[in-house]
Amino acid sequence: MGVTSIRLQPEVESSLEAMAGKLHRSKNWLINEAIREYVARRELEHARWKETLGAIESVAQGKVVAGDSVHAWLRSWGQSDELPPPRVAQ
């Protein structure tokens, strides 16, 4: 495991110590957990951004589904004759 030192503002340090005590965890564990969650969130945001750019490109190329088809499909949810998801017109 790598070692990295960080400088914490006094109020962050005291909050971290208090939380570590309440959770019966080390400050190291809390910091690692916070960084793990932050990195995972940033990776998810990056993936969503790439998907958004891909969707914008699809729209620019005319690869869209008609709104009426989507609404009809949604209205059919839970019905015995539920429609299949609409597809992009080829």
C-alpha atoms as a PDB file:
ATOM      1  CA  MET A   1       0.000   0.000   0.000  1.00  0.00           C
ATOM      2  CA  GLY A   2       1.354   3.410  -0.943  1.00  0.00           C
ATOM      3  CA  VAL A   3       1.849   6.196   1.559  1.00  0.00           C
ATOM      4  CA  THR A   4       0.753   9.763   0.862  1.00  0.00           C
ATOM      5  CA  SER A   5       0.792  12.580   3.363  1.00  0.00           C
ATOM      6  CA  ILE A   6      -1.789  15.335   3.300  1.00  0.00           C
ATOM      7  CA  ARG A   7      -2.282  18.549   5.209  1.00  0.00           C
ATOM      8  CA  LEU A   8      -5.699  19.022   6.707  1.00  0.00           C
ATOM      9  CA  GLN A   9      -7.256  22.248   7.843  1.00  0.00           C
ATOM     10  CA  PRO A  10      -7.746  22.176  11.630  1.00  0.00           C
ATOM     11  CA  GLU A  11     -11.550  22.008  11.412  1.00  0.00           C
ATOM     12  CA  VAL A  12     -11.358  19.094   8.954  1.00  0.00           C
ATOM     13  CA  GLU A  13      -8.865  17.310  11.208  1.00  0.00           C
ATOM     14  CA  SER A  14     -11.078  17.669  14.286  1.00  0.00           C
ATOM     15  CA  SER A  15     -14.191  16.532  12.385  1.00  0.00           C
ATOM     16  CA  LEU A  16     -12.271  13.582  10.990  1.00  0.00           C
ATOM     17  CA  GLU A  17     -11.053  12.572  14.446  1.00  0.00           C
ATOM     18  CA  ALA A  18     -14.564  12.849  15.870  1.00  0.00           C
ATOM     19  CA  MET A  19     -16.053  10.784  13.064  1.00  0.00           C
ATOM     20  CA  ALA A  20     -13.340   8.157  13.364  1.00  0.00           C
ATOM     21  CA  GLY A  21     -14.125   7.833  17.049  1.00  0.00           C
ATOM     22  CA  LYS A  22     -17.877   7.537  16.471  1.00  0.00           C
ATOM     23  CA  LEU A  23     -17.425   4.898  13.772  1.00  0.00           C
ATOM     24  CA  HIS A  24     -14.632   3.050  15.586  1.00  0.00           C
ATOM     25  CA  ARG A  25     -12.499   3.381  12.472  1.00  0.00           C
ATOM     26  CA  SER A  26      -9.104   4.901  11.875  1.00  0.00           C
ATOM     27  CA  LYS A  27      -8.666   8.277  10.223  1.00  0.00           C
ATOM     28  CA  ASN A  28      -6.730   6.413   7.541  1.00  0.00           C
ATOM     29  CA  TRP A  29      -9.735   4.185   6.818  1.00  0.00           C
ATOM     30  CA  LEU A  30     -12.068   7.195   6.574  1.00  0.00           C
ATOM     31  CA  ILE A  31      -9.719   9.078   4.257  1.00  0.00           C
ATOM     32  CA  ASN A  32      -9.312   6.024   2.019  1.00  0.00           C
ATOM     33  CA  GLU A  33     -13.074   5.519   1.910  1.00  0.00           C
ATOM     34  CA  ALA A  34     -13.676   9.180   1.039  1.00  0.00           C
ATOM     35  CA  ILE A  35     -11.100   9.110  -1.743  1.00  0.00           C
ATOM     36  CA  ARG A  36     -12.445   5.795  -3.084  1.00  0.00           C
ATOM     37  CA  GLU A  37     -15.962   7.253  -3.248  1.00  0.00           C
ATOM     38  CA  TYR A  38     -14.715  10.466  -4.848  1.00  0.00           C
ATOM     39  CA  VAL A  39     -12.758   8.622  -7.536  1.00  0.00           C
ATOM     40  CA  ALA A  40     -15.715   6.315  -8.275  1.00  0.00           C
ATOM     41  CA  ARG A  41     -18.041   9.328  -8.573  1.00  0.00           C
ATOM     42  CA  ARG A  42     -15.632  11.139 -10.937  1.00  0.00           C
ATOM     43  CA  GLU A  43     -15.273   8.004 -13.082  1.00  0.00           C
ATOM     44  CA  LEU A  44     -19.061   7.706 -13.289  1.00  0.00           C
ATOM     45  CA  GLU A  45     -19.365  11.385 -14.246  1.00  0.00           C
ATOM     46  CA  HIS A  46     -16.731  10.876 -16.953  1.00  0.00           C
ATOM     47  CA  ALA A  47     -18.558   7.820 -18.315  1.00  0.00           C
ATOM     48  CA  ARG A  48     -21.850   9.733 -18.349  1.00  0.00           C
ATOM     49  CA  TRP A  49     -20.188  12.635 -20.165  1.00  0.00           C
ATOM     50  CA  LYS A  50     -18.858  10.264 -22.832  1.00  0.00           C
ATOM     51  CA  GLU A  51     -22.346   8.756 -23.206  1.00  0.00           C
ATOM     52  CA  THR A  52     -23.816  12.250 -23.509  1.00  0.00           C
ATOM     53  CA  LEU A  53     -21.340  13.161 -26.248  1.00  0.00           C
ATOM     54  CA  GLY A  54     -22.213   9.913 -28.029  1.00  0.00           C
ATOM     55  CA  ALA A  55     -25.920  10.699 -27.767  1.00  0.00           C
ATOM     56  CA  ILE A  56     -25.369  14.204 -29.132  1.00  0.00           C
ATOM     57  CA  GLU A  57     -23.463  12.722 -32.054  1.00  0.00           C
ATOM     58  CA  SER A  58     -26.290  10.241 -32.702  1.00  0.00           C
ATOM     59  CA  VAL A  59     -28.813  13.078 -32.776  1.00  0.00           C
ATOM     60  CA  ALA A  60     -26.566  15.058 -35.130  1.00  0.00           C
ATOM     61  CA  GLN A  61     -26.566  12.027 -37.442  1.00  0.00           C
ATOM     62  CA  GLY A  62     -30.364  11.829 -37.298  1.00  0.00           C
ATOM     63  CA  LYS A  63     -30.429   8.628 -35.232  1.00  0.00           C
ATOM     64  CA  VAL A  64     -33.475   9.448 -33.128  1.00  0.00           C
ATOM     65  CA  VAL A  65     -36.701   7.783 -32.038  1.00  0.00           C
ATOM     66  CA  ALA A  66     -39.969   9.604 -32.618  1.00  0.00           C
ATOM     67  CA  GLY A  67     -41.453  11.014 -29.425  1.00  0.00           C
ATOM     68  CA  ASP A  68     -44.900   9.599 -30.235  1.00  0.00           C
ATOM     69  CA  SER A  69     -43.401   6.099 -30.417  1.00  0.00           C
ATOM     70  CA  VAL A  70     -41.743   6.533 -27.029  1.00  0.00           C
ATOM     71  CA  HIS A  71     -44.968   7.811 -25.445  1.00  0.00           C
ATOM     72  CA  ALA A  72     -46.991   4.944 -26.900  1.00  0.00           C
ATOM     73  CA  TRP A  73     -44.427   2.467 -25.570  1.00  0.00           C
ATOM     74  CA  LEU A  74     -44.482   4.049 -22.099  1.00  0.00           C
ATOM     75  CA  ARG A  75     -48.299   4.045 -22.014  1.00  0.00           C
ATOM     76  CA  SER A  76     -48.244   0.323 -22.814  1.00  0.00           C
ATOM     77  CA  TRP A  77     -46.113  -0.577 -19.788  1.00  0.00           C
ATOM     78  CA  GLY A  78     -47.866  -3.031 -17.501  1.00  0.00           C
ATOM     79  CA  GLN A  79     -50.525  -3.836 -20.102  1.00  0.00           C
ATOM     80  CA  SER A  80     -51.096  -7.329 -21.450  1.00  0.00           C
ATOM     81  CA  ASP A  81     -50.242  -6.029 -24.931  1.00  0.00           C
ATOM     82  CA  GLU A  82     -47.088  -4.121 -23.896  1.00  0.00           C
ATOM     83  CA  LEU A  83     -45.221  -2.766 -26.906  1.00  0.00           C
ATOM     84  CA  PRO A  84     -41.564  -3.517 -27.594  1.00  0.00           C
ATOM     85  CA  PRO A  85     -39.178  -0.596 -27.091  1.00  0.00           C
ATOM     86  CA  PRO A  86     -39.128   1.730 -30.098  1.00  0.00           C
ATOM     87  CA  ARG A  87     -36.031   1.607 -32.306  1.00  0.00           C
ATOM     88  CA  VAL A  88     -34.198   4.103 -34.408  1.00  0.00           C
ATOM     89  CA  ALA A  89     -35.528   4.138 -37.956  1.00  0.00           C
ATOM     90  CA  GLN A  90     -32.883   2.649 -40.233  1.00  0.00           C
END
